[in-house]
Amino acid sequence: MASGCGAWDDVERQFTLPRYQALWRYWRHHPPVHLMVAAYLGLAPDGPPPTGEVGLAELLATFGEGNIR
């Protein structure tokens, strides 16, 4: 993860709601460098941040139309 928190499995085990809220309070005053650089360069995100869940359309797009039987 770009936050330096480690793998998602580690985050699930170690991140509590109070820790998450504390991180967001910190980031409000000290945003991650990659976000500041993107904002400076005028780069907008392509879409909403990933949730870890993949919709059917995204799954089908991954494999392409020709590979589905």
PDB file of N, CA and C in Angstrom:
ATOM      1  N   MET A   1       0.826  -1.181   0.000  1.00  0.00           N
ATOM      2  CA  MET A   1       0.000   0.000   0.000  1.00  0.00           C
ATOM      3  C   MET A   1       0.866   1.239   0.000  1.00  0.00           C
ATOM      4  N   ALA A   2       0.368   2.262  -0.592  1.00  0.00           N
ATOM      5  CA  ALA A   2       1.110   3.509  -0.680  1.00  0.00           C
ATOM      6  C   ALA A   2       1.262   4.195   0.669  1.00  0.00           C
ATOM      7  N   SER A   3       0.487   3.796   1.645  1.00  0.00           N
ATOM      8  CA  SER A   3       0.570   4.430   2.961  1.00  0.00           C
ATOM      9  C   SER A   3       1.691   3.848   3.806  1.00  0.00           C
ATOM     10  N   GLY A   4       2.330   2.802   3.338  1.00  0.00           N
ATOM     11  CA  GLY A   4       3.396   2.178   4.098  1.00  0.00           C
ATOM     12  C   GLY A   4       2.886   1.243   5.182  1.00  0.00           C
ATOM     13  N   CYS A   5       1.609   0.911   5.133  1.00  0.00           N
ATOM     14  CA  CYS A   5       1.007   0.068   6.173  1.00  0.00           C
ATOM     15  C   CYS A   5       1.276  -1.410   5.968  1.00  0.00           C
ATOM     16  N   GLY A   6       1.746  -1.804   4.821  1.00  0.00           N
ATOM     17  CA  GLY A   6       2.000  -3.215   4.571  1.00  0.00           C
ATOM     18  C   GLY A   6       0.931  -3.828   3.688  1.00  0.00           C
ATOM     19  N   ALA A   7       0.852  -5.140   3.739  1.00  0.00           N
ATOM     20  CA  ALA A   7      -0.102  -5.880   2.911  1.00  0.00           C
ATOM     21  C   ALA A   7      -1.510  -5.736   3.470  1.00  0.00           C
ATOM     22  N   TRP A   8      -2.509  -5.978   2.617  1.00  0.00           N
ATOM     23  CA  TRP A   8      -3.906  -5.850   3.040  1.00  0.00           C
ATOM     24  C   TRP A   8      -4.222  -6.780   4.198  1.00  0.00           C
ATOM     25  N   ASP A   9      -3.653  -7.977   4.219  1.00  0.00           N
ATOM     26  CA  ASP A   9      -3.899  -8.907   5.323  1.00  0.00           C
ATOM     27  C   ASP A   9      -3.426  -8.315   6.646  1.00  0.00           C
ATOM     28  N   ASP A  10      -2.265  -7.661   6.624  1.00  0.00           N
ATOM     29  CA  ASP A  10      -1.761  -7.014   7.840  1.00  0.00           C
ATOM     30  C   ASP A  10      -2.682  -5.880   8.277  1.00  0.00           C
ATOM     31  N   VAL A  11      -3.169  -5.124   7.308  1.00  0.00           N
ATOM     32  CA  VAL A  11      -4.063  -4.013   7.615  1.00  0.00           C
ATOM     33  C   VAL A  11      -5.340  -4.526   8.269  1.00  0.00           C
ATOM     34  N   GLU A  12      -5.906  -5.603   7.734  1.00  0.00           N
ATOM     35  CA  GLU A  12      -7.129  -6.165   8.299  1.00  0.00           C
ATOM     36  C   GLU A  12      -6.935  -6.611   9.744  1.00  0.00           C
ATOM     37  N   ARG A  13      -5.766  -7.155  10.050  1.00  0.00           N
ATOM     38  CA  ARG A  13      -5.505  -7.654  11.399  1.00  0.00           C
ATOM     39  C   ARG A  13      -5.163  -6.532  12.385  1.00  0.00           C
ATOM     40  N   GLN A  14      -4.487  -5.483  11.929  1.00  0.00           N
ATOM     41  CA  GLN A  14      -3.922  -4.507  12.846  1.00  0.00           C
ATOM     42  C   GLN A  14      -4.621  -3.149  12.858  1.00  0.00           C
ATOM     43  N   PHE A  15      -5.378  -2.827  11.828  1.00  0.00           N
ATOM     44  CA  PHE A  15      -5.991  -1.506  11.751  1.00  0.00           C
ATOM     45  C   PHE A  15      -7.321  -1.496  12.485  1.00  0.00           C
ATOM     46  N   THR A  16      -7.394  -0.719  13.524  1.00  0.00           N
ATOM     47  CA  THR A  16      -8.653  -0.545  14.234  1.00  0.00           C
ATOM     48  C   THR A  16      -9.284   0.757  13.764  1.00  0.00           C
ATOM     49  N   LEU A  17     -10.549   0.953  14.077  1.00  0.00           N
ATOM     50  CA  LEU A  17     -11.219   2.190  13.684  1.00  0.00           C
ATOM     51  C   LEU A  17     -10.534   3.421  14.282  1.00  0.00           C
ATOM     52  N   PRO A  18     -10.148   3.428  15.552  1.00  0.00           N
ATOM     53  CA  PRO A  18      -9.431   4.592  16.079  1.00  0.00           C
ATOM     54  C   PRO A  18      -8.100   4.858  15.354  1.00  0.00           C
ATOM     55  N   ARG A  19      -7.386   3.803  14.986  1.00  0.00           N
ATOM     56  CA  ARG A  19      -6.125   3.995  14.245  1.00  0.00           C
ATOM     57  C   ARG A  19      -6.395   4.576  12.858  1.00  0.00           C
ATOM     58  N   TYR A  20      -7.445   4.077  12.229  1.00  0.00           N
ATOM     59  CA  TYR A  20      -7.831   4.594  10.905  1.00  0.00           C
ATOM     60  C   TYR A  20      -8.184   6.076  10.990  1.00  0.00           C
ATOM     61  N   GLN A  21      -8.967   6.447  11.989  1.00  0.00           N
ATOM     62  CA  GLN A  21      -9.356   7.843  12.158  1.00  0.00           C
ATOM     63  C   GLN A  21      -8.143   8.723  12.460  1.00  0.00           C
ATOM     64  N   ALA A  22      -7.217   8.221  13.261  1.00  0.00           N
ATOM     65  CA  ALA A  22      -6.002   8.973  13.561  1.00  0.00           C
ATOM     66  C   ALA A  22      -5.164   9.185  12.301  1.00  0.00           C
ATOM     67  N   LEU A  23      -5.081   8.164  11.461  1.00  0.00           N
ATOM     68  CA  LEU A  23      -4.325   8.287  10.217  1.00  0.00           C
ATOM     69  C   LEU A  23      -4.939   9.351   9.316  1.00  0.00           C
ATOM     70  N   TRP A  24      -6.273   9.350   9.194  1.00  0.00           N
ATOM     71  CA  TRP A  24      -6.933  10.359   8.364  1.00  0.00           C
ATOM     72  C   TRP A  24      -6.758  11.759   8.925  1.00  0.00           C
ATOM     73  N   ARG A  25      -6.780  11.913  10.251  1.00  0.00           N
ATOM     74  CA  ARG A  25      -6.522  13.237  10.848  1.00  0.00           C
ATOM     75  C   ARG A  25      -5.106  13.698  10.510  1.00  0.00           C
ATOM     76  N   TYR A  26      -4.158  12.773  10.575  1.00  0.00           N
ATOM     77  CA  TYR A  26      -2.771  13.109  10.237  1.00  0.00           C
ATOM     78  C   TYR A  26      -2.656  13.484   8.762  1.00  0.00           C
ATOM     79  N   TRP A  27      -3.269  12.684   7.885  1.00  0.00           N
ATOM     80  CA  TRP A  27      -3.192  12.953   6.447  1.00  0.00           C
ATOM     81  C   TRP A  27      -3.872  14.267   6.078  1.00  0.00           C
ATOM     82  N   ARG A  28      -4.856  14.701   6.835  1.00  0.00           N
ATOM     83  CA  ARG A  28      -5.517  15.966   6.545  1.00  0.00           C
ATOM     84  C   ARG A  28      -4.520  17.124   6.624  1.00  0.00           C
ATOM     85  N   HIS A  29      -3.563  17.005   7.535  1.00  0.00           N
ATOM     86  CA  HIS A  29      -2.545  18.052   7.694  1.00  0.00           C
ATOM     87  C   HIS A  29      -1.239  17.737   6.966  1.00  0.00           C
ATOM     88  N   HIS A  30      -0.979  16.471   6.729  1.00  0.00           N
ATOM     89  CA  HIS A  30       0.257  16.021   6.081  1.00  0.00           C
ATOM     90  C   HIS A  30      -0.078  14.966   5.025  1.00  0.00           C
ATOM     91  N   PRO A  31      -0.627  15.380   3.885  1.00  0.00           N
ATOM     92  CA  PRO A  31      -1.041  14.390   2.879  1.00  0.00           C
ATOM     93  C   PRO A  31       0.155  13.615   2.318  1.00  0.00           C
ATOM     94  N   PRO A  32      -0.105  12.383   1.861  1.00  0.00           N
ATOM     95  CA  PRO A  32       0.964  11.594   1.242  1.00  0.00           C
ATOM     96  C   PRO A  32       1.559  12.322   0.031  1.00  0.00           C
ATOM     97  N   VAL A  33       2.852  12.182  -0.142  1.00  0.00           N
ATOM     98  CA  VAL A  33       3.571  12.901  -1.200  1.00  0.00           C
ATOM     99  C   VAL A  33       3.008  12.590  -2.585  1.00  0.00           C
ATOM    100  N   HIS A  34       2.651  11.332  -2.852  1.00  0.00           N
ATOM    101  CA  HIS A  34       2.171  10.997  -4.193  1.00  0.00           C
ATOM    102  C   HIS A  34       0.869  11.744  -4.507  1.00  0.00           C
ATOM    103  N   LEU A  35       0.045  12.025  -3.505  1.00  0.00           N
ATOM    104  CA  LEU A  35      -1.179  12.785  -3.749  1.00  0.00           C
ATOM    105  C   LEU A  35      -0.876  14.260  -3.986  1.00  0.00           C
ATOM    106  N   MET A  36       0.094  14.797  -3.261  1.00  0.00           N
ATOM    107  CA  MET A  36       0.472  16.199  -3.466  1.00  0.00           C
ATOM    108  C   MET A  36       1.080  16.404  -4.852  1.00  0.00           C
ATOM    109  N   VAL A  37       1.928  15.479  -5.279  1.00  0.00           N
ATOM    110  CA  VAL A  37       2.549  15.588  -6.602  1.00  0.00           C
ATOM    111  C   VAL A  37       1.487  15.490  -7.696  1.00  0.00           C
ATOM    112  N   ALA A  38       0.556  14.554  -7.549  1.00  0.00           N
ATOM    113  CA  ALA A  38      -0.509  14.411  -8.539  1.00  0.00           C
ATOM    114  C   ALA A  38      -1.350  15.679  -8.611  1.00  0.00           C
ATOM    115  N   ALA A  39      -1.670  16.265  -7.475  1.00  0.00           N
ATOM    116  CA  ALA A  39      -2.451  17.504  -7.461  1.00  0.00           C
ATOM    117  C   ALA A  39      -1.660  18.641  -8.102  1.00  0.00           C
ATOM    118  N   TYR A  40      -0.370  18.726  -7.821  1.00  0.00           N
ATOM    119  CA  TYR A  40       0.475  19.777  -8.396  1.00  0.00           C
ATOM    120  C   TYR A  40       0.532  19.655  -9.916  1.00  0.00           C
ATOM    121  N   LEU A  41       0.593  18.422 -10.411  1.00  0.00           N
ATOM    122  CA  LEU A  41       0.673  18.191 -11.855  1.00  0.00           C
ATOM    123  C   LEU A  41      -0.693  18.216 -12.531  1.00  0.00           C
ATOM    124  N   GLY A  42      -1.748  18.350 -11.732  1.00  0.00           N
ATOM    125  CA  GLY A  42      -3.095  18.402 -12.296  1.00  0.00           C
ATOM    126  C   GLY A  42      -3.620  17.051 -12.722  1.00  0.00           C
ATOM    127  N   LEU A  43      -3.093  15.991 -12.138  1.00  0.00           N
ATOM    128  CA  LEU A  43      -3.540  14.644 -12.480  1.00  0.00           C
ATOM    129  C   LEU A  43      -4.718  14.263 -11.604  1.00  0.00           C
ATOM    130  N   ALA A  44      -5.808  13.917 -12.235  1.00  0.00           N
ATOM    131  CA  ALA A  44      -7.003  13.500 -11.494  1.00  0.00           C
ATOM    132  C   ALA A  44      -7.044  11.982 -11.436  1.00  0.00           C
ATOM    133  N   PRO A  45      -7.606  11.428 -10.382  1.00  0.00           N
ATOM    134  CA  PRO A  45      -7.733   9.969 -10.330  1.00  0.00           C
ATOM    135  C   PRO A  45      -8.651   9.475 -11.442  1.00  0.00           C
ATOM    136  N   ASP A  46      -8.413   8.255 -11.891  1.00  0.00           N
ATOM    137  CA  ASP A  46      -9.209   7.668 -12.978  1.00  0.00           C
ATOM    138  C   ASP A  46     -10.626   7.330 -12.538  1.00  0.00           C
ATOM    139  N   GLY A  47     -10.824   7.149 -11.285  1.00  0.00           N
ATOM    140  CA  GLY A  47     -12.140   6.776 -10.783  1.00  0.00           C
ATOM    141  C   GLY A  47     -12.093   6.675  -9.281  1.00  0.00           C
ATOM    142  N   PRO A  48     -13.106   6.073  -8.712  1.00  0.00           N
ATOM    143  CA  PRO A  48     -13.108   5.937  -7.255  1.00  0.00           C
ATOM    144  C   PRO A  48     -12.002   5.002  -6.795  1.00  0.00           C
ATOM    145  N   PRO A  49     -11.539   5.162  -5.569  1.00  0.00           N
ATOM    146  CA  PRO A  49     -10.485   4.276  -5.081  1.00  0.00           C
ATOM    147  C   PRO A  49     -10.972   2.832  -5.047  1.00  0.00           C
ATOM    148  N   PRO A  50     -10.056   1.890  -5.238  1.00  0.00           N
ATOM    149  CA  PRO A  50     -10.462   0.483  -5.249  1.00  0.00           C
ATOM    150  C   PRO A  50     -11.013   0.056  -3.905  1.00  0.00           C
ATOM    151  N   THR A  51     -12.031  -0.793  -3.939  1.00  0.00           N
ATOM    152  CA  THR A  51     -12.645  -1.277  -2.706  1.00  0.00           C
ATOM    153  C   THR A  51     -12.235  -2.702  -2.393  1.00  0.00           C
ATOM    154  N   GLY A  52     -11.568  -3.331  -3.326  1.00  0.00           N
ATOM    155  CA  GLY A  52     -11.216  -4.730  -3.147  1.00  0.00           C
ATOM    156  C   GLY A  52     -12.266  -5.660  -3.726  1.00  0.00           C
ATOM    157  N   GLU A  53     -13.405  -5.106  -4.124  1.00  0.00           N
ATOM    158  CA  GLU A  53     -14.463  -5.894  -4.727  1.00  0.00           C
ATOM    159  C   GLU A  53     -14.476  -5.620  -6.223  1.00  0.00           C
ATOM    160  N   VAL A  54     -14.658  -6.656  -7.003  1.00  0.00           N
ATOM    161  CA  VAL A  54     -14.671  -6.519  -8.454  1.00  0.00           C
ATOM    162  C   VAL A  54     -16.083  -6.796  -8.950  1.00  0.00           C
ATOM    163  N   GLY A  55     -16.603  -5.877  -9.742  1.00  0.00           N
ATOM    164  CA  GLY A  55     -17.919  -6.083 -10.323  1.00  0.00           C
ATOM    165  C   GLY A  55     -17.845  -7.016 -11.514  1.00  0.00           C
ATOM    166  N   LEU A  56     -18.988  -7.492 -11.948  1.00  0.00           N
ATOM    167  CA  LEU A  56     -19.044  -8.435 -13.070  1.00  0.00           C
ATOM    168  C   LEU A  56     -18.472  -7.807 -14.341  1.00  0.00           C
ATOM    169  N   ALA A  57     -18.799  -6.548 -14.615  1.00  0.00           N
ATOM    170  CA  ALA A  57     -18.301  -5.889 -15.824  1.00  0.00           C
ATOM    171  C   ALA A  57     -16.777  -5.805 -15.808  1.00  0.00           C
ATOM    172  N   GLU A  58     -16.207  -5.493 -14.653  1.00  0.00           N
ATOM    173  CA  GLU A  58     -14.744  -5.413 -14.552  1.00  0.00           C
ATOM    174  C   GLU A  58     -14.115  -6.788 -14.731  1.00  0.00           C
ATOM    175  N   LEU A  59     -14.746  -7.795 -14.155  1.00  0.00           N
ATOM    176  CA  LEU A  59     -14.225  -9.149 -14.288  1.00  0.00           C
ATOM    177  C   LEU A  59     -14.249  -9.603 -15.742  1.00  0.00           C
ATOM    178  N   LEU A  60     -15.349  -9.346 -16.432  1.00  0.00           N
ATOM    179  CA  LEU A  60     -15.451  -9.720 -17.840  1.00  0.00           C
ATOM    180  C   LEU A  60     -14.451  -8.945 -18.689  1.00  0.00           C
ATOM    181  N   ALA A  61     -14.235  -7.671 -18.374  1.00  0.00           N
ATOM    182  CA  ALA A  61     -13.272  -6.866 -19.127  1.00  0.00           C
ATOM    183  C   ALA A  61     -11.856  -7.392 -18.943  1.00  0.00           C
ATOM    184  N   THR A  62     -11.576  -7.965 -17.789  1.00  0.00           N
ATOM    185  CA  THR A  62     -10.239  -8.513 -17.523  1.00  0.00           C
ATOM    186  C   THR A  62      -9.920  -9.648 -18.478  1.00  0.00           C
ATOM    187  N   PHE A  63     -10.900 -10.490 -18.740  1.00  0.00           N
ATOM    188  CA  PHE A  63     -10.663 -11.660 -19.572  1.00  0.00           C
ATOM    189  C   PHE A  63     -10.946 -11.410 -21.047  1.00  0.00           C
ATOM    190  N   GLY A  64     -11.615 -10.329 -21.384  1.00  0.00           N
ATOM    191  CA  GLY A  64     -11.936 -10.039 -22.768  1.00  0.00           C
ATOM    192  C   GLY A  64     -13.130 -10.833 -23.246  1.00  0.00           C
ATOM    193  N   GLU A  65     -13.816 -10.305 -24.217  1.00  0.00           N
ATOM    194  CA  GLU A  65     -15.042 -10.937 -24.703  1.00  0.00           C
ATOM    195  C   GLU A  65     -14.762 -12.251 -25.419  1.00  0.00           C
ATOM    196  N   GLY A  66     -13.627 -12.373 -26.063  1.00  0.00           N
ATOM    197  CA  GLY A  66     -13.336 -13.563 -26.840  1.00  0.00           C
ATOM    198  C   GLY A  66     -13.029 -14.794 -26.000  1.00  0.00           C
ATOM    199  N   ASN A  67     -12.737 -14.626 -24.739  1.00  0.00           N
ATOM    200  CA  ASN A  67     -12.348 -15.743 -23.899  1.00  0.00           C
ATOM    201  C   ASN A  67     -13.495 -16.331 -23.093  1.00  0.00           C
ATOM    202  N   ILE A  68     -14.690 -15.769 -23.193  1.00  0.00           N
ATOM    203  CA  ILE A  68     -15.821 -16.245 -22.399  1.00  0.00           C
ATOM    204  C   ILE A  68     -16.610 -17.254 -23.206  1.00  0.00           C
ATOM    205  N   ARG A  69     -16.931 -18.370 -22.596  1.00  0.00           N
ATOM    206  CA  ARG A  69     -17.686 -19.417 -23.293  1.00  0.00           C
ATOM    207  C   ARG A  69     -19.081 -19.504 -22.740  1.00  0.00           C
TER     208      ARG A  69
END
